Amino acid sequence: SALNTKYHESNACFSADTGTVWFTRNNFSQGKKGRNGEGVVNLKIYARTRQLGEWTNEQPFPFNSDAYSVGHPCLSADGNTMYFTSDRPGGAGGTDIWRTVKTGTAWGTPVCLGVEVNTEGDEMFPFIGKDGTFAFASDGHAGLGGLDIMIGKMRADGTVMGVKNPGAPLNSGHDDFALVLDHTLLKGYFTSDRPGGKGGDDIYAMTLEHPLGNSMRVEGIAYDRRSKQPMPSATVELKDSLGNVVATAATGPDGSYTLDLEPAKAYGLAGTVEGYRPATADFSSGPEA
């Protein structure tokens, strides 16, 4: 059967091999809308696989419900974590962003992202980039008006740090949401009902002057202490003052690496490479406020 129906399909995401698509659809069965006890038509996520050029074998997301909405799927690059929007019980209020991690072929119990992301308002439209850049839309964080696009950084443990509002011109006094970026993290699209469009919600293309990361970064070179030769393919972990890994980078052919930072924080670096002892260093990104 066709992926598109007479109801709404939207917010698709794909596996890395583009062989599976997840998408949002209004709740309906056998051509009839499914409504909850308050008469609201909720959202559900479905998956299909591509076979011989056709999208077939439709499967519902295991956490769909007739009682609440589940939508806006966003898959991590490794295919093992799904982020989604839901007003399911246990959230911070309104709609929140949740994540589920795959073990084998099964998705684990959803976890609501913490207060750094979710508020008593509405959070929705998650997006995660290959470098851990995490974007979402919110009307509960301080913003310019309506839904604003917020930017943070995903930690290795699945929590998000450094959420901030990138301001105008990305955001406006109207609703701005559903940011997606390409592999360079410098070009993308978002949706807005700001004046000057064709009417209602419109899609806008954009090119960034610099990545939507934190405002500071550390740059360094990993090298052999004795030979002074650069060390490619080393792993450098950035840790916060509690020892939590907040970012990871692999060194390039010249041993160089870069990591995004928050200002006025204490950090530690840990470098590892096969055949060598681990090395560590402590530093700060300026006096703590």
C-alpha atoms as a PDB file:
ATOM      1  CA  SER A   1       0.000   0.000   0.000  1.00  0.00           C
ATOM      2  CA  ALA A   2       1.096   3.604  -0.495  1.00  0.00           C
ATOM      3  CA  LEU A   3       3.031   5.327   2.269  1.00  0.00           C
ATOM      4  CA  ASN A   4       0.957   8.478   1.827  1.00  0.00           C
ATOM      5  CA  THR A   5      -2.737   8.439   2.731  1.00  0.00           C
ATOM      6  CA  LYS A   6      -5.557  10.987   2.874  1.00  0.00           C
ATOM      7  CA  TYR A   7      -4.425  11.813   6.405  1.00  0.00           C
ATOM      8  CA  HIS A   8      -1.212  13.583   7.412  1.00  0.00           C
ATOM      9  CA  GLU A   9       2.226  12.007   6.956  1.00  0.00           C
ATOM     10  CA  SER A  10       5.241  14.090   7.998  1.00  0.00           C
ATOM     11  CA  ASN A  11       8.621  14.332   9.717  1.00  0.00           C
ATOM     12  CA  ALA A  12      10.365  11.397   8.078  1.00  0.00           C
ATOM     13  CA  CYS A  13      13.801  10.132   9.068  1.00  0.00           C
ATOM     14  CA  PHE A  14      15.876   7.393   7.463  1.00  0.00           C
ATOM     15  CA  SER A  15      18.364   4.740   8.469  1.00  0.00           C
ATOM     16  CA  ALA A  16      21.972   5.325   7.371  1.00  0.00           C
ATOM     17  CA  ASP A  17      21.532   2.942   4.427  1.00  0.00           C
ATOM     18  CA  THR A  18      18.196   4.658   3.533  1.00  0.00           C
ATOM     19  CA  GLY A  19      16.540   1.221   3.594  1.00  0.00           C
ATOM     20  CA  THR A  20      14.126   2.074   6.414  1.00  0.00           C
ATOM     21  CA  VAL A  21      11.983   5.165   6.893  1.00  0.00           C
ATOM     22  CA  TRP A  22      10.212   6.271  10.075  1.00  0.00           C
ATOM     23  CA  PHE A  23       7.454   8.863   9.798  1.00  0.00           C
ATOM     24  CA  THR A  24       4.572  10.493  11.674  1.00  0.00           C
ATOM     25  CA  ARG A  25       0.927   9.931  10.785  1.00  0.00           C
ATOM     26  CA  ASN A  26      -2.441  10.812  12.271  1.00  0.00           C
ATOM     27  CA  ASN A  27      -3.913   7.936  14.248  1.00  0.00           C
ATOM     28  CA  PHE A  28      -6.321   6.071  12.016  1.00  0.00           C
ATOM     29  CA  SER A  29      -7.289   2.471  11.357  1.00  0.00           C
ATOM     30  CA  GLN A  30      -9.132   1.017   8.362  1.00  0.00           C
ATOM     31  CA  GLY A  31      -9.790   4.500   7.014  1.00  0.00           C
ATOM     32  CA  LYS A  32     -11.239   5.896  10.246  1.00  0.00           C
ATOM     33  CA  LYS A  33      -9.599   8.380  12.587  1.00  0.00           C
ATOM     34  CA  GLY A  34      -8.739   7.092  16.063  1.00  0.00           C
ATOM     35  CA  ARG A  35      -9.562   9.582  18.798  1.00  0.00           C
ATOM     36  CA  ASN A  36      -8.715   9.602  22.487  1.00  0.00           C
ATOM     37  CA  GLY A  37     -11.319  10.150  25.212  1.00  0.00           C
ATOM     38  CA  GLU A  38     -11.208  13.909  24.658  1.00  0.00           C
ATOM     39  CA  GLY A  39     -11.884  13.631  20.924  1.00  0.00           C
ATOM     40  CA  VAL A  40      -8.283  14.455  19.937  1.00  0.00           C
ATOM     41  CA  VAL A  41      -6.705  12.685  16.965  1.00  0.00           C
ATOM     42  CA  ASN A  42      -3.230  11.783  18.200  1.00  0.00           C
ATOM     43  CA  LEU A  43      -0.032  11.113  16.266  1.00  0.00           C
ATOM     44  CA  LYS A  44       1.739   7.801  15.784  1.00  0.00           C
ATOM     45  CA  ILE A  45       5.095   6.745  14.318  1.00  0.00           C
ATOM     46  CA  TYR A  46       5.346   4.039  11.668  1.00  0.00           C
ATOM     47  CA  ALA A  47       8.272   2.409   9.877  1.00  0.00           C
ATOM     48  CA  ARG A  48       8.553   0.945   6.391  1.00  0.00           C
ATOM     49  CA  THR A  49      11.365  -0.803   4.546  1.00  0.00           C
ATOM     50  CA  ARG A  50      12.297  -0.351   0.897  1.00  0.00           C
ATOM     51  CA  GLN A  51      12.093  -3.404  -1.327  1.00  0.00           C
ATOM     52  CA  LEU A  52      12.398  -3.272  -5.120  1.00  0.00           C
ATOM     53  CA  GLY A  53      11.862   0.470  -5.049  1.00  0.00           C
ATOM     54  CA  GLU A  54       8.667   0.311  -2.982  1.00  0.00           C
ATOM     55  CA  TRP A  55       8.110   1.202   0.683  1.00  0.00           C
ATOM     56  CA  THR A  56       6.516  -1.906   2.198  1.00  0.00           C
ATOM     57  CA  ASN A  57       6.037  -3.855   5.441  1.00  0.00           C
ATOM     58  CA  GLU A  58       4.576  -1.047   7.547  1.00  0.00           C
ATOM     59  CA  GLN A  59       5.255  -1.504  11.263  1.00  0.00           C
ATOM     60  CA  PRO A  60       3.980   0.677  14.141  1.00  0.00           C
ATOM     61  CA  PHE A  61       6.494   2.120  16.599  1.00  0.00           C
ATOM     62  CA  PRO A  62       6.193   0.017  19.783  1.00  0.00           C
ATOM     63  CA  PHE A  63       5.381   3.046  21.971  1.00  0.00           C
ATOM     64  CA  ASN A  64       2.398   4.304  19.967  1.00  0.00           C
ATOM     65  CA  SER A  65      -0.799   4.807  21.934  1.00  0.00           C
ATOM     66  CA  ASP A  66      -4.403   5.844  21.401  1.00  0.00           C
ATOM     67  CA  ALA A  67      -4.197   7.823  24.660  1.00  0.00           C
ATOM     68  CA  TYR A  68      -1.405  10.239  23.691  1.00  0.00           C
ATOM     69  CA  SER A  69       0.720  11.344  20.739  1.00  0.00           C
ATOM     70  CA  VAL A  70       4.040   9.898  19.605  1.00  0.00           C
ATOM     71  CA  GLY A  71       5.678  11.622  16.646  1.00  0.00           C
ATOM     72  CA  HIS A  72       8.620  13.468  15.088  1.00  0.00           C
ATOM     73  CA  PRO A  73      11.079  10.529  14.910  1.00  0.00           C
ATOM     74  CA  CYS A  74      14.796  11.324  14.738  1.00  0.00           C
ATOM     75  CA  LEU A  75      17.363   8.526  14.445  1.00  0.00           C
ATOM     76  CA  SER A  76      20.975   8.751  15.596  1.00  0.00           C
ATOM     77  CA  ALA A  77      23.698   8.143  13.008  1.00  0.00           C
ATOM     78  CA  ASP A  78      24.459   4.655  14.360  1.00  0.00           C
ATOM     79  CA  GLY A  79      20.776   3.705  14.227  1.00  0.00           C
ATOM     80  CA  ASN A  80      20.642   2.708  17.886  1.00  0.00           C
ATOM     81  CA  THR A  81      18.868   5.693  19.462  1.00  0.00           C
ATOM     82  CA  MET A  82      15.516   7.131  18.456  1.00  0.00           C
ATOM     83  CA  TYR A  83      14.433  10.564  19.681  1.00  0.00           C
ATOM     84  CA  PHE A  84      10.756  11.468  19.456  1.00  0.00           C
ATOM     85  CA  THR A  85       8.090  13.884  20.697  1.00  0.00           C
ATOM     86  CA  SER A  86       5.301  12.768  23.010  1.00  0.00           C
ATOM     87  CA  ASP A  87       2.894  13.937  25.682  1.00  0.00           C
ATOM     88  CA  ARG A  88       2.979  10.479  27.268  1.00  0.00           C
ATOM     89  CA  PRO A  89       2.784  10.353  31.086  1.00  0.00           C
ATOM     90  CA  GLY A  90       6.003  10.956  33.008  1.00  0.00           C
ATOM     91  CA  GLY A  91       7.191  14.009  31.123  1.00  0.00           C
ATOM     92  CA  ALA A  92       7.916  17.543  32.299  1.00  0.00           C
ATOM     93  CA  GLY A  93       4.667  18.954  30.902  1.00  0.00           C
ATOM     94  CA  GLY A  94       3.092  19.570  27.529  1.00  0.00           C
ATOM     95  CA  THR A  95       4.914  17.655  24.815  1.00  0.00           C
ATOM     96  CA  ASP A  96       8.440  16.529  25.622  1.00  0.00           C
ATOM     97  CA  ILE A  97      11.353  14.926  23.811  1.00  0.00           C
ATOM     98  CA  TRP A  98      12.063  11.308  24.687  1.00  0.00           C
ATOM     99  CA  ARG A  99      14.673   8.791  23.625  1.00  0.00           C
ATOM    100  CA  THR A 100      14.766   5.034  23.353  1.00  0.00           C
ATOM    101  CA  VAL A 101      17.880   2.912  22.838  1.00  0.00           C
ATOM    102  CA  LYS A 102      17.888  -0.284  20.799  1.00  0.00           C
ATOM    103  CA  THR A 103      19.187  -3.512  22.335  1.00  0.00           C
ATOM    104  CA  GLY A 104      19.421  -6.172  19.663  1.00  0.00           C
ATOM    105  CA  THR A 105      16.255  -5.657  17.625  1.00  0.00           C
ATOM    106  CA  ALA A 106      14.094  -4.252  20.445  1.00  0.00           C
ATOM    107  CA  TRP A 107      13.668  -0.631  21.538  1.00  0.00           C
ATOM    108  CA  GLY A 108      14.200  -0.054  25.266  1.00  0.00           C
ATOM    109  CA  THR A 109      11.883   1.772  27.654  1.00  0.00           C
ATOM    110  CA  PRO A 110      11.627   5.450  26.626  1.00  0.00           C
ATOM    111  CA  VAL A 111      13.427   8.004  28.798  1.00  0.00           C
ATOM    112  CA  CYS A 112      12.362  11.645  28.976  1.00  0.00           C
ATOM    113  CA  LEU A 113      15.301  13.967  28.304  1.00  0.00           C
ATOM    114  CA  GLY A 114      16.167  16.077  31.345  1.00  0.00           C
ATOM    115  CA  VAL A 115      15.235  19.602  32.422  1.00  0.00           C
ATOM    116  CA  GLU A 116      18.031  21.032  30.267  1.00  0.00           C
ATOM    117  CA  VAL A 117      15.738  20.236  27.316  1.00  0.00           C
ATOM    118  CA  ASN A 118      12.186  19.694  28.555  1.00  0.00           C
ATOM    119  CA  THR A 119      10.042  22.292  30.336  1.00  0.00           C
ATOM    120  CA  GLU A 120       6.419  22.715  31.403  1.00  0.00           C
ATOM    121  CA  GLY A 121       5.827  24.059  27.902  1.00  0.00           C
ATOM    122  CA  ASP A 122       6.073  22.184  24.605  1.00  0.00           C
ATOM    123  CA  GLU A 123       9.300  20.719  23.233  1.00  0.00           C
ATOM    124  CA  MET A 124       9.223  18.982  19.864  1.00  0.00           C
ATOM    125  CA  PHE A 125      10.954  18.354  16.506  1.00  0.00           C
ATOM    126  CA  PRO A 126      14.255  16.821  17.717  1.00  0.00           C
ATOM    127  CA  PHE A 127      17.293  16.708  15.428  1.00  0.00           C
ATOM    128  CA  ILE A 128      20.751  15.310  16.159  1.00  0.00           C
ATOM    129  CA  GLY A 129      23.843  15.924  14.028  1.00  0.00           C
ATOM    130  CA  LYS A 130      26.829  13.650  13.583  1.00  0.00           C
ATOM    131  CA  ASP A 131      28.884  15.764  16.012  1.00  0.00           C
ATOM    132  CA  GLY A 132      26.260  15.608  18.771  1.00  0.00           C
ATOM    133  CA  THR A 133      24.652  18.952  17.931  1.00  0.00           C
ATOM    134  CA  PHE A 134      21.118  18.607  19.273  1.00  0.00           C
ATOM    135  CA  ALA A 135      18.337  20.886  18.054  1.00  0.00           C
ATOM    136  CA  PHE A 136      14.696  21.078  19.031  1.00  0.00           C
ATOM    137  CA  ALA A 137      11.826  23.572  19.136  1.00  0.00           C
ATOM    138  CA  SER A 138      10.361  24.935  22.360  1.00  0.00           C
ATOM    139  CA  ASP A 139       7.931  27.521  23.663  1.00  0.00           C
ATOM    140  CA  GLY A 140       9.029  26.876  27.261  1.00  0.00           C
ATOM    141  CA  HIS A 141      12.595  28.190  27.071  1.00  0.00           C
ATOM    142  CA  ALA A 142      13.370  31.895  26.953  1.00  0.00           C
ATOM    143  CA  GLY A 143      12.939  32.944  23.342  1.00  0.00           C
ATOM    144  CA  LEU A 144      11.837  35.554  20.844  1.00  0.00           C
ATOM    145  CA  GLY A 145       8.206  34.437  20.683  1.00  0.00           C
ATOM    146  CA  GLY A 146       6.175  31.345  19.857  1.00  0.00           C
ATOM    147  CA  LEU A 147       8.220  28.229  19.138  1.00  0.00           C
ATOM    148  CA  ASP A 148      11.957  28.910  18.945  1.00  0.00           C
ATOM    149  CA  ILE A 149      14.720  26.611  17.745  1.00  0.00           C
ATOM    150  CA  MET A 150      17.086  25.694  20.581  1.00  0.00           C
ATOM    151  CA  ILE A 151      20.588  24.258  20.245  1.00  0.00           C
ATOM    152  CA  GLY A 152      22.535  22.041  22.661  1.00  0.00           C
ATOM    153  CA  LYS A 153      25.193  19.343  22.696  1.00  0.00           C
ATOM    154  CA  MET A 154      24.517  15.668  23.315  1.00  0.00           C
ATOM    155  CA  ARG A 155      26.729  14.058  25.957  1.00  0.00           C
ATOM    156  CA  ALA A 156      28.012  10.509  25.632  1.00  0.00           C
ATOM    157  CA  ASP A 157      25.564   9.436  28.371  1.00  0.00           C
ATOM    158  CA  GLY A 158      22.558  10.669  26.374  1.00  0.00           C
ATOM    159  CA  THR A 159      21.952  13.894  28.277  1.00  0.00           C
ATOM    160  CA  VAL A 160      22.190  17.353  26.723  1.00  0.00           C
ATOM    161  CA  MET A 161      24.358  20.267  27.843  1.00  0.00           C
ATOM    162  CA  GLY A 162      24.623  23.938  26.989  1.00  0.00           C
ATOM    163  CA  VAL A 163      21.131  24.515  25.584  1.00  0.00           C
ATOM    164  CA  LYS A 164      20.862  28.020  24.186  1.00  0.00           C
ATOM    165  CA  ASN A 165      18.756  30.120  21.855  1.00  0.00           C
ATOM    166  CA  PRO A 166      20.774  31.083  18.729  1.00  0.00           C
ATOM    167  CA  GLY A 167      18.589  34.170  18.283  1.00  0.00           C
ATOM    168  CA  ALA A 168      17.719  36.021  15.080  1.00  0.00           C
ATOM    169  CA  PRO A 169      17.638  35.570  12.154  1.00  0.00           C
ATOM    170  CA  LEU A 170      17.122  31.835  12.721  1.00  0.00           C
ATOM    171  CA  ASN A 171      14.436  32.605  15.308  1.00  0.00           C
ATOM    172  CA  SER A 172      11.788  35.298  15.145  1.00  0.00           C
ATOM    173  CA  GLY A 173       8.779  36.542  17.072  1.00  0.00           C
ATOM    174  CA  HIS A 174       6.717  33.850  15.332  1.00  0.00           C
ATOM    175  CA  ASP A 175       6.890  30.039  15.328  1.00  0.00           C
ATOM    176  CA  ASP A 176      10.269  28.672  14.159  1.00  0.00           C
ATOM    177  CA  PHE A 177      10.787  24.921  14.292  1.00  0.00           C
ATOM    178  CA  ALA A 178      11.783  21.642  12.617  1.00  0.00           C
ATOM    179  CA  LEU A 179      15.441  22.467  11.944  1.00  0.00           C
ATOM    180  CA  VAL A 180      17.384  19.887   9.919  1.00  0.00           C
ATOM    181  CA  LEU A 181      21.029  20.186   8.834  1.00  0.00           C
ATOM    182  CA  ASP A 182      23.053  18.364   6.184  1.00  0.00           C
ATOM    183  CA  HIS A 183      26.285  16.425   6.818  1.00  0.00           C
ATOM    184  CA  THR A 184      28.345  19.635   6.893  1.00  0.00           C
ATOM    185  CA  LEU A 185      26.132  21.044   9.676  1.00  0.00           C
ATOM    186  CA  LEU A 186      26.328  24.373   7.831  1.00  0.00           C
ATOM    187  CA  LYS A 187      23.343  24.097   5.487  1.00  0.00           C
ATOM    188  CA  GLY A 188      19.800  23.151   6.289  1.00  0.00           C
ATOM    189  CA  TYR A 189      16.115  23.922   6.425  1.00  0.00           C
ATOM    190  CA  PHE A 190      13.592  25.016   9.012  1.00  0.00           C
ATOM    191  CA  THR A 191       9.915  25.917   9.147  1.00  0.00           C
ATOM    192  CA  SER A 192       8.418  29.275  10.160  1.00  0.00           C
ATOM    193  CA  ASP A 193       5.200  31.254   9.933  1.00  0.00           C
ATOM    194  CA  ARG A 194       7.083  34.560   9.989  1.00  0.00           C
ATOM    195  CA  PRO A 195       5.864  37.366   7.710  1.00  0.00           C
ATOM    196  CA  GLY A 196       7.118  37.329   4.133  1.00  0.00           C
ATOM    197  CA  GLY A 197       6.324  33.723   3.347  1.00  0.00           C
ATOM    198  CA  LYS A 198       3.751  32.188   1.050  1.00  0.00           C
ATOM    199  CA  GLY A 199       1.229  31.817   3.887  1.00  0.00           C
ATOM    200  CA  GLY A 200       0.895  29.766   7.056  1.00  0.00           C
ATOM    201  CA  ASP A 201       3.980  27.660   7.787  1.00  0.00           C
ATOM    202  CA  ASP A 202       6.707  27.859   5.131  1.00  0.00           C
ATOM    203  CA  ILE A 203      10.025  26.049   4.659  1.00  0.00           C
ATOM    204  CA  TYR A 204      13.150  28.202   4.629  1.00  0.00           C
ATOM    205  CA  ALA A 205      16.642  27.219   3.463  1.00  0.00           C
ATOM    206  CA  MET A 206      19.671  28.622   5.251  1.00  0.00           C
ATOM    207  CA  THR A 207      23.463  28.645   5.182  1.00  0.00           C
ATOM    208  CA  LEU A 208      25.297  29.148   8.474  1.00  0.00           C
ATOM    209  CA  GLU A 209      28.439  31.242   8.817  1.00  0.00           C
ATOM    210  CA  HIS A 210      29.710  28.873  11.525  1.00  0.00           C
ATOM    211  CA  PRO A 211      28.387  25.687  13.182  1.00  0.00           C
ATOM    212  CA  LEU A 212      25.523  25.978  15.668  1.00  0.00           C
ATOM    213  CA  GLY A 213      27.674  24.740  18.523  1.00  0.00           C
ATOM    214  CA  ASN A 214      28.867  26.294  21.740  1.00  0.00           C
ATOM    215  CA  SER A 215      30.595  29.668  21.524  1.00  0.00           C
ATOM    216  CA  MET A 216      34.043  28.356  22.528  1.00  0.00           C
ATOM    217  CA  ARG A 217      36.211  25.434  21.530  1.00  0.00           C
ATOM    218  CA  VAL A 218      39.524  23.860  22.416  1.00  0.00           C
ATOM    219  CA  GLU A 219      42.028  22.893  19.722  1.00  0.00           C
ATOM    220  CA  GLY A 220      45.004  20.642  20.277  1.00  0.00           C
ATOM    221  CA  ILE A 221      47.418  18.117  18.824  1.00  0.00           C
ATOM    222  CA  ALA A 222      48.104  14.659  20.171  1.00  0.00           C
ATOM    223  CA  TYR A 223      51.728  13.629  19.814  1.00  0.00           C
ATOM    224  CA  ASP A 224      54.199  11.013  21.030  1.00  0.00           C
ATOM    225  CA  ARG A 225      55.977  12.460  24.064  1.00  0.00           C
ATOM    226  CA  ARG A 226      59.333  10.972  23.059  1.00  0.00           C
ATOM    227  CA  SER A 227      59.399  11.192  19.275  1.00  0.00           C
ATOM    228  CA  LYS A 228      57.245  14.356  19.116  1.00  0.00           C
ATOM    229  CA  GLN A 229      55.454  12.817  16.123  1.00  0.00           C
ATOM    230  CA  PRO A 230      51.721  13.482  15.734  1.00  0.00           C
ATOM    231  CA  MET A 231      49.373  10.638  16.619  1.00  0.00           C
ATOM    232  CA  PRO A 232      46.446  10.126  14.233  1.00  0.00           C
ATOM    233  CA  SER A 233      43.372   8.122  15.242  1.00  0.00           C
ATOM    234  CA  ALA A 234      43.777   8.824  18.948  1.00  0.00           C
ATOM    235  CA  THR A 235      40.600   9.294  21.015  1.00  0.00           C
ATOM    236  CA  VAL A 236      40.267  12.482  23.048  1.00  0.00           C
ATOM    237  CA  GLU A 237      37.509  12.697  25.654  1.00  0.00           C
ATOM    238  CA  LEU A 238      36.302  15.981  27.144  1.00  0.00           C
ATOM    239  CA  LYS A 239      35.091  15.608  30.744  1.00  0.00           C
ATOM    240  CA  ASP A 240      33.249  17.991  33.032  1.00  0.00           C
ATOM    241  CA  SER A 241      34.243  18.747  36.629  1.00  0.00           C
ATOM    242  CA  LEU A 242      32.430  15.597  37.826  1.00  0.00           C
ATOM    243  CA  GLY A 243      34.305  13.369  35.394  1.00  0.00           C
ATOM    244  CA  ASN A 244      31.378  12.858  33.022  1.00  0.00           C
ATOM    245  CA  VAL A 245      32.316  12.522  29.341  1.00  0.00           C
ATOM    246  CA  VAL A 246      30.575  15.404  27.535  1.00  0.00           C
ATOM    247  CA  ALA A 247      32.216  15.107  24.099  1.00  0.00           C
ATOM    248  CA  THR A 248      34.591  12.854  22.188  1.00  0.00           C
ATOM    249  CA  ALA A 249      36.832  13.530  19.189  1.00  0.00           C
ATOM    250  CA  ALA A 250      39.177  11.437  17.067  1.00  0.00           C
ATOM    251  CA  THR A 251      42.455  13.029  16.019  1.00  0.00           C
ATOM    252  CA  GLY A 252      43.077  13.661  12.337  1.00  0.00           C
ATOM    253  CA  PRO A 253      46.091  12.592  10.225  1.00  0.00           C
ATOM    254  CA  ASP A 254      48.121  15.435  11.751  1.00  0.00           C
ATOM    255  CA  GLY A 255      47.072  14.518  15.308  1.00  0.00           C
ATOM    256  CA  SER A 256      44.776  17.545  15.606  1.00  0.00           C
ATOM    257  CA  TYR A 257      41.381  17.671  17.291  1.00  0.00           C
ATOM    258  CA  THR A 258      38.728  20.247  18.231  1.00  0.00           C
ATOM    259  CA  LEU A 259      36.025  20.122  20.894  1.00  0.00           C
ATOM    260  CA  ASP A 260      33.192  22.548  21.664  1.00  0.00           C
ATOM    261  CA  LEU A 261      33.115  24.129  25.130  1.00  0.00           C
ATOM    262  CA  GLU A 262      30.813  26.089  27.360  1.00  0.00           C
ATOM    263  CA  PRO A 263      32.368  29.271  28.801  1.00  0.00           C
ATOM    264  CA  ALA A 264      33.422  29.540  32.456  1.00  0.00           C
ATOM    265  CA  LYS A 265      33.669  25.798  33.076  1.00  0.00           C
ATOM    266  CA  ALA A 266      36.320  23.442  34.448  1.00  0.00           C
ATOM    267  CA  TYR A 267      37.238  20.589  32.109  1.00  0.00           C
ATOM    268  CA  GLY A 268      39.505  17.605  31.830  1.00  0.00           C
ATOM    269  CA  LEU A 269      40.969  15.943  28.750  1.00  0.00           C
ATOM    270  CA  ALA A 270      41.750  12.238  28.477  1.00  0.00           C
ATOM    271  CA  GLY A 271      43.662  10.908  25.470  1.00  0.00           C
ATOM    272  CA  THR A 272      43.900   7.230  24.571  1.00  0.00           C
ATOM    273  CA  VAL A 273      45.503   5.315  21.723  1.00  0.00           C
ATOM    274  CA  GLU A 274      46.302   1.639  21.407  1.00  0.00           C
ATOM    275  CA  GLY A 275      49.736   0.716  22.716  1.00  0.00           C
ATOM    276  CA  TYR A 276      50.162   3.861  24.851  1.00  0.00           C
ATOM    277  CA  ARG A 277      49.355   4.854  28.390  1.00  0.00           C
ATOM    278  CA  PRO A 278      46.365   7.188  28.696  1.00  0.00           C
ATOM    279  CA  ALA A 279      47.223  10.858  29.208  1.00  0.00           C
ATOM    280  CA  THR A 280      45.147  13.488  31.005  1.00  0.00           C
ATOM    281  CA  ALA A 281      45.100  17.262  31.380  1.00  0.00           C
ATOM    282  CA  ASP A 282      42.912  19.766  33.256  1.00  0.00           C
ATOM    283  CA  PHE A 283      41.992  23.274  32.123  1.00  0.00           C
ATOM    284  CA  SER A 284      39.185  25.828  32.323  1.00  0.00           C
ATOM    285  CA  SER A 285      37.334  27.887  29.731  1.00  0.00           C
ATOM    286  CA  GLY A 286      37.580  31.016  31.869  1.00  0.00           C
ATOM    287  CA  PRO A 287      36.673  32.100  35.405  1.00  0.00           C
ATOM    288  CA  GLU A 288      33.448  30.536  36.614  1.00  0.00           C
ATOM    289  CA  ALA A 289      30.559  32.963  36.841  1.00  0.00           C
END
